[in-house]
Amino acid sequence: MVDSTTRTLRVLAGHAFALTLDANPTTGYQWMLSNPLDGRFLTLLSNEYIPPATSGLIGQGGHQQLTFQPLRPGMTSIALKYCRPWDDGDCAHFSFTIVQISG
C-alpha cells in the first residue's frame, strides 16, 4: 500500500520555507522531487537529513528537510516521492503540496 499526503501552503515571495518529512536513510529511501519545480516560482535551496534528537535505537529514523525559496507571487506545486534512488518503481510515500505565493 502506498501512502500519500496533500496539503496547501501560503507563503510570501522572498521568504524561504521548509517541508519536513519523516525519513530513515538506513532503509535506502529518501525524499526527492517527482516532478521538476516550476522555476518561475520556486527554487530548491537545500535538501538535508536531520537525525533524531536522541540516538537510542540503531536504525532510528529522523527527518528530511527540503527548503525552498518562493520567487514571485503565483501558484505552483511541489511533488515529492519517498523512493530508493536506484528503484523508482519502489516508492513508499508521495507528498503533494500546493503553494500559494503572495507578494
PDB file of N, CA and C in Angstrom:
ATOM      1  N   MET A   1       0.842  -1.181   0.000  1.00  0.00           N
ATOM      2  CA  MET A   1       0.000   0.000   0.000  1.00  0.00           C
ATOM      3  C   MET A   1       0.881   1.237   0.000  1.00  0.00           C
ATOM      4  N   VAL A   2       0.571   2.181  -0.865  1.00  0.00           N
ATOM      5  CA  VAL A   2       1.336   3.419  -0.969  1.00  0.00           C
ATOM      6  C   VAL A   2       0.577   4.518  -0.238  1.00  0.00           C
ATOM      7  N   ASP A   3       1.297   5.292   0.556  1.00  0.00           N
ATOM      8  CA  ASP A   3       0.725   6.367   1.342  1.00  0.00           C
ATOM      9  C   ASP A   3       0.959   7.686   0.616  1.00  0.00           C
ATOM     10  N   SER A   4      -0.031   8.584   0.641  1.00  0.00           N
ATOM     11  CA  SER A   4       0.167   9.899   0.035  1.00  0.00           C
ATOM     12  C   SER A   4      -0.505  10.963   0.885  1.00  0.00           C
ATOM     13  N   THR A   5       0.067  12.163   0.840  1.00  0.00           N
ATOM     14  CA  THR A   5      -0.498  13.302   1.551  1.00  0.00           C
ATOM     15  C   THR A   5      -0.588  14.477   0.584  1.00  0.00           C
ATOM     16  N   THR A   6      -1.589  15.319   0.809  1.00  0.00           N
ATOM     17  CA  THR A   6      -1.762  16.537   0.033  1.00  0.00           C
ATOM     18  C   THR A   6      -1.999  17.672   1.021  1.00  0.00           C
ATOM     19  N   ARG A   7      -1.352  18.801   0.768  1.00  0.00           N
ATOM     20  CA  ARG A   7      -1.530  19.958   1.642  1.00  0.00           C
ATOM     21  C   ARG A   7      -1.432  21.225   0.804  1.00  0.00           C
ATOM     22  N   THR A   8      -1.873  22.335   1.394  1.00  0.00           N
ATOM     23  CA  THR A   8      -1.762  23.645   0.761  1.00  0.00           C
ATOM     24  C   THR A   8      -1.004  24.560   1.710  1.00  0.00           C
ATOM     25  N   LEU A   9      -0.040  25.294   1.168  1.00  0.00           N
ATOM     26  CA  LEU A   9       0.735  26.257   1.951  1.00  0.00           C
ATOM     27  C   LEU A   9       0.566  27.644   1.362  1.00  0.00           C
ATOM     28  N   ARG A  10       0.500  28.629   2.234  1.00  0.00           N
ATOM     29  CA  ARG A  10       0.507  30.023   1.810  1.00  0.00           C
ATOM     30  C   ARG A  10       1.816  30.624   2.308  1.00  0.00           C
ATOM     31  N   VAL A  11       2.609  31.155   1.387  1.00  0.00           N
ATOM     32  CA  VAL A  11       3.927  31.696   1.733  1.00  0.00           C
ATOM     33  C   VAL A  11       4.096  33.065   1.091  1.00  0.00           C
ATOM     34  N   LEU A  12       5.137  33.778   1.522  1.00  0.00           N
ATOM     35  CA  LEU A  12       5.447  35.096   0.982  1.00  0.00           C
ATOM     36  C   LEU A  12       6.628  35.006   0.025  1.00  0.00           C
ATOM     37  N   ALA A  13       6.537  35.694  -1.090  1.00  0.00           N
ATOM     38  CA  ALA A  13       7.652  35.753  -2.031  1.00  0.00           C
ATOM     39  C   ALA A  13       8.875  36.302  -1.305  1.00  0.00           C
ATOM     40  N   GLY A  14      10.021  35.684  -1.524  1.00  0.00           N
ATOM     41  CA  GLY A  14      11.260  36.132  -0.914  1.00  0.00           C
ATOM     42  C   GLY A  14      11.540  35.563   0.467  1.00  0.00           C
ATOM     43  N   HIS A  15      10.582  34.829   1.049  1.00  0.00           N
ATOM     44  CA  HIS A  15      10.761  34.255   2.388  1.00  0.00           C
ATOM     45  C   HIS A  15      10.834  32.729   2.274  1.00  0.00           C
ATOM     46  N   ALA A  16      12.012  32.176   2.517  1.00  0.00           N
ATOM     47  CA  ALA A  16      12.220  30.734   2.396  1.00  0.00           C
ATOM     48  C   ALA A  16      11.314  29.971   3.364  1.00  0.00           C
ATOM     49  N   PHE A  17      10.922  28.774   2.960  1.00  0.00           N
ATOM     50  CA  PHE A  17      10.126  27.899   3.817  1.00  0.00           C
ATOM     51  C   PHE A  17      10.629  26.466   3.641  1.00  0.00           C
ATOM     52  N   ALA A  18      10.301  25.618   4.602  1.00  0.00           N
ATOM     53  CA  ALA A  18      10.785  24.233   4.571  1.00  0.00           C
ATOM     54  C   ALA A  18       9.631  23.252   4.703  1.00  0.00           C
ATOM     55  N   LEU A  19       9.776  22.130   4.033  1.00  0.00           N
ATOM     56  CA  LEU A  19       8.913  20.968   4.227  1.00  0.00           C
ATOM     57  C   LEU A  19       9.748  19.943   4.977  1.00  0.00           C
ATOM     58  N   THR A  20       9.241  19.460   6.104  1.00  0.00           N
ATOM     59  CA  THR A  20       9.957  18.489   6.923  1.00  0.00           C
ATOM     60  C   THR A  20       9.135  17.201   6.947  1.00  0.00           C
ATOM     61  N   LEU A  21       9.765  16.124   6.506  1.00  0.00           N
ATOM     62  CA  LEU A  21       9.079  14.841   6.356  1.00  0.00           C
ATOM     63  C   LEU A  21       9.836  13.745   7.093  1.00  0.00           C
ATOM     64  N   ASP A  22       9.107  12.782   7.637  1.00  0.00           N
ATOM     65  CA  ASP A  22       9.741  11.634   8.288  1.00  0.00           C
ATOM     66  C   ASP A  22      10.609  10.904   7.274  1.00  0.00           C
ATOM     67  N   ALA A  23      11.795  10.497   7.700  1.00  0.00           N
ATOM     68  CA  ALA A  23      12.710   9.795   6.805  1.00  0.00           C
ATOM     69  C   ALA A  23      13.648   8.906   7.613  1.00  0.00           C
ATOM     70  N   ASN A  24      14.122   7.859   6.955  1.00  0.00           N
ATOM     71  CA  ASN A  24      15.078   6.958   7.579  1.00  0.00           C
ATOM     72  C   ASN A  24      16.028   6.452   6.497  1.00  0.00           C
ATOM     73  N   PRO A  25      17.199   7.085   6.348  1.00  0.00           N
ATOM     74  CA  PRO A  25      18.112   6.706   5.272  1.00  0.00           C
ATOM     75  C   PRO A  25      18.676   5.295   5.409  1.00  0.00           C
ATOM     76  N   THR A  26      18.579   4.677   6.593  1.00  0.00           N
ATOM     77  CA  THR A  26      19.097   3.320   6.735  1.00  0.00           C
ATOM     78  C   THR A  26      18.282   2.323   5.922  1.00  0.00           C
ATOM     79  N   THR A  27      17.077   2.711   5.502  1.00  0.00           N
ATOM     80  CA  THR A  27      16.233   1.837   4.686  1.00  0.00           C
ATOM     81  C   THR A  27      16.550   1.968   3.197  1.00  0.00           C
ATOM     82  N   GLY A  28      17.358   2.971   2.840  1.00  0.00           N
ATOM     83  CA  GLY A  28      17.662   3.227   1.436  1.00  0.00           C
ATOM     84  C   GLY A  28      16.705   4.213   0.797  1.00  0.00           C
ATOM     85  N   TYR A  29      15.628   4.562   1.495  1.00  0.00           N
ATOM     86  CA  TYR A  29      14.653   5.501   0.955  1.00  0.00           C
ATOM     87  C   TYR A  29      15.062   6.939   1.255  1.00  0.00           C
ATOM     88  N   GLN A  30      14.681   7.845   0.343  1.00  0.00           N
ATOM     89  CA  GLN A  30      14.883   9.265   0.575  1.00  0.00           C
ATOM     90  C   GLN A  30      13.823  10.052  -0.191  1.00  0.00           C
ATOM     91  N   TRP A  31      13.521  11.249   0.306  1.00  0.00           N
ATOM     92  CA  TRP A  31      12.572  12.130  -0.370  1.00  0.00           C
ATOM     93  C   TRP A  31      13.280  12.837  -1.510  1.00  0.00           C
ATOM     94  N   MET A  32      12.615  12.873  -2.678  1.00  0.00           N
ATOM     95  CA  MET A  32      13.155  13.571  -3.843  1.00  0.00           C
ATOM     96  C   MET A  32      11.990  14.105  -4.675  1.00  0.00           C
ATOM     97  N   LEU A  33      12.287  15.079  -5.498  1.00  0.00           N
ATOM     98  CA  LEU A  33      11.261  15.646  -6.366  1.00  0.00           C
ATOM     99  C   LEU A  33      10.786  14.584  -7.359  1.00  0.00           C
ATOM    100  N   SER A  34       9.482  14.450  -7.499  1.00  0.00           N
ATOM    101  CA  SER A  34       8.962  13.519  -8.508  1.00  0.00           C
ATOM    102  C   SER A  34       8.657  14.247  -9.814  1.00  0.00           C
ATOM    103  N   ASN A  35       8.543  15.563  -9.747  1.00  0.00           N
ATOM    104  CA  ASN A  35       8.383  16.406 -10.930  1.00  0.00           C
ATOM    105  C   ASN A  35       9.288  17.622 -10.751  1.00  0.00           C
ATOM    106  N   PRO A  36       9.823  18.169 -11.832  1.00  0.00           N
ATOM    107  CA  PRO A  36      10.653  19.376 -11.685  1.00  0.00           C
ATOM    108  C   PRO A  36       9.828  20.534 -11.130  1.00  0.00           C
ATOM    109  N   LEU A  37      10.480  21.400 -10.368  1.00  0.00           N
ATOM    110  CA  LEU A  37       9.829  22.613  -9.865  1.00  0.00           C
ATOM    111  C   LEU A  37       9.611  23.579 -11.022  1.00  0.00           C
ATOM    112  N   ASP A  38       8.585  24.408 -10.913  1.00  0.00           N
ATOM    113  CA  ASP A  38       8.386  25.491 -11.872  1.00  0.00           C
ATOM    114  C   ASP A  38       9.338  26.614 -11.465  1.00  0.00           C
ATOM    115  N   GLY A  39      10.432  26.751 -12.198  1.00  0.00           N
ATOM    116  CA  GLY A  39      11.493  27.703 -11.875  1.00  0.00           C
ATOM    117  C   GLY A  39      11.070  29.153 -11.877  1.00  0.00           C
ATOM    118  N   ARG A  40       9.882  29.444 -12.388  1.00  0.00           N
ATOM    119  CA  ARG A  40       9.385  30.820 -12.321  1.00  0.00           C
ATOM    120  C   ARG A  40       8.955  31.179 -10.902  1.00  0.00           C
ATOM    121  N   PHE A  41       8.593  30.162 -10.114  1.00  0.00           N
ATOM    122  CA  PHE A  41       8.016  30.411  -8.801  1.00  0.00           C
ATOM    123  C   PHE A  41       8.849  29.905  -7.627  1.00  0.00           C
ATOM    124  N   LEU A  42       9.588  28.814  -7.798  1.00  0.00           N
ATOM    125  CA  LEU A  42      10.306  28.202  -6.672  1.00  0.00           C
ATOM    126  C   LEU A  42      11.688  27.727  -7.085  1.00  0.00           C
ATOM    127  N   THR A  43      12.610  27.787  -6.129  1.00  0.00           N
ATOM    128  CA  THR A  43      13.890  27.099  -6.270  1.00  0.00           C
ATOM    129  C   THR A  43      14.116  26.273  -5.008  1.00  0.00           C
ATOM    130  N   LEU A  44      14.794  25.158  -5.159  1.00  0.00           N
ATOM    131  CA  LEU A  44      15.159  24.306  -4.031  1.00  0.00           C
ATOM    132  C   LEU A  44      16.489  24.804  -3.492  1.00  0.00           C
ATOM    133  N   LEU A  45      16.498  25.246  -2.232  1.00  0.00           N
ATOM    134  CA  LEU A  45      17.720  25.758  -1.614  1.00  0.00           C
ATOM    135  C   LEU A  45      18.555  24.651  -0.989  1.00  0.00           C
ATOM    136  N   SER A  46      17.899  23.701  -0.327  1.00  0.00           N
ATOM    137  CA  SER A  46      18.641  22.623   0.327  1.00  0.00           C
ATOM    138  C   SER A  46      17.737  21.418   0.548  1.00  0.00           C
ATOM    139  N   ASN A  47      18.387  20.269   0.694  1.00  0.00           N
ATOM    140  CA  ASN A  47      17.714  19.007   0.969  1.00  0.00           C
ATOM    141  C   ASN A  47      18.631  18.257   1.925  1.00  0.00           C
ATOM    142  N   GLU A  48      18.268  18.229   3.209  1.00  0.00           N
ATOM    143  CA  GLU A  48      19.164  17.629   4.191  1.00  0.00           C
ATOM    144  C   GLU A  48      18.427  16.702   5.144  1.00  0.00           C
ATOM    145  N   TYR A  49      19.174  15.723   5.641  1.00  0.00           N
ATOM    146  CA  TYR A  49      18.651  14.785   6.626  1.00  0.00           C
ATOM    147  C   TYR A  49      18.961  15.324   8.016  1.00  0.00           C
ATOM    148  N   ILE A  50      17.963  15.279   8.894  1.00  0.00           N
ATOM    149  CA  ILE A  50      18.122  15.715  10.280  1.00  0.00           C
ATOM    150  C   ILE A  50      17.945  14.482  11.153  1.00  0.00           C
ATOM    151  N   PRO A  51      19.041  14.022  11.804  1.00  0.00           N
ATOM    152  CA  PRO A  51      18.934  12.813  12.634  1.00  0.00           C
ATOM    153  C   PRO A  51      18.059  13.067  13.859  1.00  0.00           C
ATOM    154  N   PRO A  52      17.592  11.993  14.505  1.00  0.00           N
ATOM    155  CA  PRO A  52      16.768  12.162  15.705  1.00  0.00           C
ATOM    156  C   PRO A  52      17.563  12.836  16.820  1.00  0.00           C
ATOM    157  N   ALA A  53      16.843  13.520  17.697  1.00  0.00           N
ATOM    158  CA  ALA A  53      17.491  14.240  18.807  1.00  0.00           C
ATOM    159  C   ALA A  53      18.233  13.269  19.725  1.00  0.00           C
ATOM    160  N   THR A  54      17.665  12.087  19.915  1.00  0.00           N
ATOM    161  CA  THR A  54      18.332  11.061  20.713  1.00  0.00           C
ATOM    162  C   THR A  54      18.585   9.864  19.819  1.00  0.00           C
ATOM    163  N   SER A  55      19.765   9.338  19.889  1.00  0.00           N
ATOM    164  CA  SER A  55      20.105   8.202  19.023  1.00  0.00           C
ATOM    165  C   SER A  55      20.137   6.909  19.824  1.00  0.00           C
ATOM    166  N   GLY A  56      19.045   6.643  20.521  1.00  0.00           N
ATOM    167  CA  GLY A  56      18.978   5.471  21.376  1.00  0.00           C
ATOM    168  C   GLY A  56      18.812   4.154  20.636  1.00  0.00           C
ATOM    169  N   LEU A  57      18.246   4.181  19.460  1.00  0.00           N
ATOM    170  CA  LEU A  57      17.975   2.947  18.737  1.00  0.00           C
ATOM    171  C   LEU A  57      18.751   2.910  17.424  1.00  0.00           C
ATOM    172  N   ILE A  58      19.318   1.776  17.120  1.00  0.00           N
ATOM    173  CA  ILE A  58      20.003   1.602  15.835  1.00  0.00           C
ATOM    174  C   ILE A  58      18.962   1.617  14.731  1.00  0.00           C
ATOM    175  N   GLY A  59      19.223   2.396  13.681  1.00  0.00           N
ATOM    176  CA  GLY A  59      18.304   2.477  12.557  1.00  0.00           C
ATOM    177  C   GLY A  59      17.104   3.374  12.785  1.00  0.00           C
ATOM    178  N   GLN A  60      17.128   4.133  13.879  1.00  0.00           N
ATOM    179  CA  GLN A  60      16.032   5.037  14.199  1.00  0.00           C
ATOM    180  C   GLN A  60      15.936   6.135  13.137  1.00  0.00           C
ATOM    181  N   GLY A  61      14.729   6.456  12.727  1.00  0.00           N
ATOM    182  CA  GLY A  61      14.519   7.474  11.709  1.00  0.00           C
ATOM    183  C   GLY A  61      14.575   8.880  12.255  1.00  0.00           C
ATOM    184  N   GLY A  62      14.713   9.805  11.356  1.00  0.00           N
ATOM    185  CA  GLY A  62      14.718  11.224  11.690  1.00  0.00           C
ATOM    186  C   GLY A  62      13.808  11.950  10.723  1.00  0.00           C
ATOM    187  N   HIS A  63      14.293  13.060  10.177  1.00  0.00           N
ATOM    188  CA  HIS A  63      13.510  13.857   9.244  1.00  0.00           C
ATOM    189  C   HIS A  63      14.376  14.312   8.078  1.00  0.00           C
ATOM    190  N   GLN A  64      13.746  14.501   6.962  1.00  0.00           N
ATOM    191  CA  GLN A  64      14.406  15.092   5.812  1.00  0.00           C
ATOM    192  C   GLN A  64      13.741  16.445   5.599  1.00  0.00           C
ATOM    193  N   GLN A  65      14.566  17.482   5.496  1.00  0.00           N
ATOM    194  CA  GLN A  65      14.047  18.833   5.367  1.00  0.00           C
ATOM    195  C   GLN A  65      14.451  19.421   4.016  1.00  0.00           C
ATOM    196  N   LEU A  66      13.453  19.799   3.241  1.00  0.00           N
ATOM    197  CA  LEU A  66      13.671  20.432   1.948  1.00  0.00           C
ATOM    198  C   LEU A  66      13.277  21.894   2.080  1.00  0.00           C
ATOM    199  N   THR A  67      14.209  22.789   1.767  1.00  0.00           N
ATOM    200  CA  THR A  67      13.974  24.218   1.914  1.00  0.00           C
ATOM    201  C   THR A  67      13.850  24.842   0.527  1.00  0.00           C
ATOM    202  N   PHE A  68      12.817  25.670   0.368  1.00  0.00           N
ATOM    203  CA  PHE A  68      12.501  26.279  -0.912  1.00  0.00           C
ATOM    204  C   PHE A  68      12.484  27.798  -0.802  1.00  0.00           C
ATOM    205  N   GLN A  69      12.787  28.464  -1.908  1.00  0.00           N
ATOM    206  CA  GLN A  69      12.720  29.916  -1.990  1.00  0.00           C
ATOM    207  C   GLN A  69      11.601  30.279  -2.966  1.00  0.00           C
ATOM    208  N   PRO A  70      10.527  30.932  -2.467  1.00  0.00           N
ATOM    209  CA  PRO A  70       9.488  31.402  -3.381  1.00  0.00           C
ATOM    210  C   PRO A  70       9.961  32.693  -4.058  1.00  0.00           C
ATOM    211  N   LEU A  71       9.836  32.756  -5.373  1.00  0.00           N
ATOM    212  CA  LEU A  71      10.434  33.841  -6.137  1.00  0.00           C
ATOM    213  C   LEU A  71       9.488  34.994  -6.439  1.00  0.00           C
ATOM    214  N   ARG A  72       8.220  34.692  -6.711  1.00  0.00           N
ATOM    215  CA  ARG A  72       7.274  35.744  -7.063  1.00  0.00           C
ATOM    216  C   ARG A  72       5.859  35.248  -6.799  1.00  0.00           C
ATOM    217  N   PRO A  73       4.901  36.170  -6.692  1.00  0.00           N
ATOM    218  CA  PRO A  73       3.517  35.761  -6.436  1.00  0.00           C
ATOM    219  C   PRO A  73       2.976  34.845  -7.525  1.00  0.00           C
ATOM    220  N   GLY A  74       2.144  33.920  -7.112  1.00  0.00           N
ATOM    221  CA  GLY A  74       1.510  32.985  -8.028  1.00  0.00           C
ATOM    222  C   GLY A  74       1.186  31.690  -7.319  1.00  0.00           C
ATOM    223  N   MET A  75       0.851  30.676  -8.099  1.00  0.00           N
ATOM    224  CA  MET A  75       0.531  29.368  -7.535  1.00  0.00           C
ATOM    225  C   MET A  75       1.335  28.304  -8.279  1.00  0.00           C
ATOM    226  N   THR A  76       1.869  27.357  -7.511  1.00  0.00           N
ATOM    227  CA  THR A  76       2.643  26.266  -8.089  1.00  0.00           C
ATOM    228  C   THR A  76       2.483  25.046  -7.192  1.00  0.00           C
ATOM    229  N   SER A  77       3.243  24.015  -7.454  1.00  0.00           N
ATOM    230  CA  SER A  77       3.138  22.810  -6.633  1.00  0.00           C
ATOM    231  C   SER A  77       4.509  22.170  -6.450  1.00  0.00           C
ATOM    232  N   ILE A  78       4.594  21.353  -5.402  1.00  0.00           N
ATOM    233  CA  ILE A  78       5.789  20.564  -5.119  1.00  0.00           C
ATOM    234  C   ILE A  78       5.336  19.110  -5.004  1.00  0.00           C
ATOM    235  N   ALA A  79       5.848  18.263  -5.874  1.00  0.00           N
ATOM    236  CA  ALA A  79       5.515  16.838  -5.846  1.00  0.00           C
ATOM    237  C   ALA A  79       6.767  16.072  -5.418  1.00  0.00           C
ATOM    238  N   LEU A  80       6.649  15.328  -4.318  1.00  0.00           N
ATOM    239  CA  LEU A  80       7.774  14.571  -3.773  1.00  0.00           C
ATOM    240  C   LEU A  80       7.441  13.091  -3.716  1.00  0.00           C
ATOM    241  N   LYS A  81       8.474  12.275  -3.806  1.00  0.00           N
ATOM    242  CA  LYS A  81       8.321  10.829  -3.662  1.00  0.00           C
ATOM    243  C   LYS A  81       9.396  10.318  -2.715  1.00  0.00           C
ATOM    244  N   TYR A  82       9.034   9.305  -1.949  1.00  0.00           N
ATOM    245  CA  TYR A  82       9.948   8.674  -0.985  1.00  0.00           C
ATOM    246  C   TYR A  82      10.334   7.330  -1.569  1.00  0.00           C
ATOM    247  N   CYS A  83      11.473   7.292  -2.258  1.00  0.00           N
ATOM    248  CA  CYS A  83      11.878   6.123  -3.031  1.00  0.00           C
ATOM    249  C   CYS A  83      13.338   5.776  -2.766  1.00  0.00           C
ATOM    250  N   ARG A  84      13.700   4.605  -3.221  1.00  0.00           N
ATOM    251  CA  ARG A  84      15.109   4.255  -3.292  1.00  0.00           C
ATOM    252  C   ARG A  84      15.631   4.823  -4.607  1.00  0.00           C
ATOM    253  N   PRO A  85      16.714   5.594  -4.584  1.00  0.00           N
ATOM    254  CA  PRO A  85      17.190   6.257  -5.801  1.00  0.00           C
ATOM    255  C   PRO A  85      17.448   5.306  -6.964  1.00  0.00           C
ATOM    256  N   TRP A  86      17.796   4.073  -6.679  1.00  0.00           N
ATOM    257  CA  TRP A  86      18.100   3.125  -7.742  1.00  0.00           C
ATOM    258  C   TRP A  86      16.870   2.377  -8.237  1.00  0.00           C
ATOM    259  N   ASP A  87      15.689   2.617  -7.625  1.00  0.00           N
ATOM    260  CA  ASP A  87      14.492   1.876  -8.000  1.00  0.00           C
ATOM    261  C   ASP A  87      13.264   2.777  -7.904  1.00  0.00           C
ATOM    262  N   ASP A  88      13.005   3.564  -8.943  1.00  0.00           N
ATOM    263  CA  ASP A  88      11.857   4.474  -8.947  1.00  0.00           C
ATOM    264  C   ASP A  88      10.524   3.758  -8.858  1.00  0.00           C
ATOM    265  N   GLY A  89      10.491   2.492  -9.181  1.00  0.00           N
ATOM    266  CA  GLY A  89       9.248   1.736  -9.122  1.00  0.00           C
ATOM    267  C   GLY A  89       8.867   1.320  -7.715  1.00  0.00           C
ATOM    268  N   ASP A  90       9.750   1.525  -6.753  1.00  0.00           N
ATOM    269  CA  ASP A  90       9.515   1.094  -5.378  1.00  0.00           C
ATOM    270  C   ASP A  90       9.401   2.307  -4.465  1.00  0.00           C
ATOM    271  N   CYS A  91       8.335   3.073  -4.625  1.00  0.00           N
ATOM    272  CA  CYS A  91       8.125   4.266  -3.800  1.00  0.00           C
ATOM    273  C   CYS A  91       7.131   3.944  -2.688  1.00  0.00           C
ATOM    274  N   ALA A  92       7.481   4.327  -1.474  1.00  0.00           N
ATOM    275  CA  ALA A  92       6.640   4.018  -0.322  1.00  0.00           C
ATOM    276  C   ALA A  92       5.626   5.117  -0.030  1.00  0.00           C
ATOM    277  N   HIS A  93       5.974   6.371  -0.321  1.00  0.00           N
ATOM    278  CA  HIS A  93       5.108   7.508   0.010  1.00  0.00           C
ATOM    279  C   HIS A  93       5.207   8.573  -1.069  1.00  0.00           C
ATOM    280  N   PHE A  94       4.150   9.361  -1.167  1.00  0.00           N
ATOM    281  CA  PHE A  94       4.134  10.521  -2.051  1.00  0.00           C
ATOM    282  C   PHE A  94       3.595  11.707  -1.264  1.00  0.00           C
ATOM    283  N   SER A  95       4.085  12.894  -1.566  1.00  0.00           N
ATOM    284  CA  SER A  95       3.613  14.116  -0.927  1.00  0.00           C
ATOM    285  C   SER A  95       3.403  15.160  -2.013  1.00  0.00           C
ATOM    286  N   PHE A  96       2.241  15.782  -1.992  1.00  0.00           N
ATOM    287  CA  PHE A  96       1.919  16.816  -2.973  1.00  0.00           C
ATOM    288  C   PHE A  96       1.524  18.068  -2.216  1.00  0.00           C
ATOM    289  N   THR A  97       2.208  19.174  -2.499  1.00  0.00           N
ATOM    290  CA  THR A  97       1.955  20.430  -1.810  1.00  0.00           C
ATOM    291  C   THR A  97       1.615  21.510  -2.827  1.00  0.00           C
ATOM    292  N   ILE A  98       0.451  22.127  -2.659  1.00  0.00           N
ATOM    293  CA  ILE A  98       0.075  23.277  -3.470  1.00  0.00           C
ATOM    294  C   ILE A  98       0.620  24.501  -2.741  1.00  0.00           C
ATOM    295  N   VAL A  99       1.346  25.343  -3.449  1.00  0.00           N
ATOM    296  CA  VAL A  99       1.978  26.502  -2.838  1.00  0.00           C
ATOM    297  C   VAL A  99       1.373  27.779  -3.434  1.00  0.00           C
ATOM    298  N   GLN A 100       0.750  28.568  -2.570  1.00  0.00           N
ATOM    299  CA  GLN A 100       0.208  29.859  -2.969  1.00  0.00           C
ATOM    300  C   GLN A 100       1.169  30.933  -2.463  1.00  0.00           C
ATOM    301  N   ILE A 101       1.759  31.675  -3.399  1.00  0.00           N
ATOM    302  CA  ILE A 101       2.782  32.667  -3.060  1.00  0.00           C
ATOM    303  C   ILE A 101       2.161  34.054  -3.198  1.00  0.00           C
ATOM    304  N   SER A 102       2.237  34.830  -2.120  1.00  0.00           N
ATOM    305  CA  SER A 102       1.732  36.205  -2.181  1.00  0.00           C
ATOM    306  C   SER A 102       2.910  37.171  -2.115  1.00  0.00           C
ATOM    307  N   GLY A 103       2.665  38.389  -2.536  1.00  0.00           N
ATOM    308  CA  GLY A 103       3.729  39.384  -2.630  1.00  0.00           C
ATOM    309  C   GLY A 103       3.995  40.163  -1.392  1.00  0.00           C
TER     310      GLY A 103
END
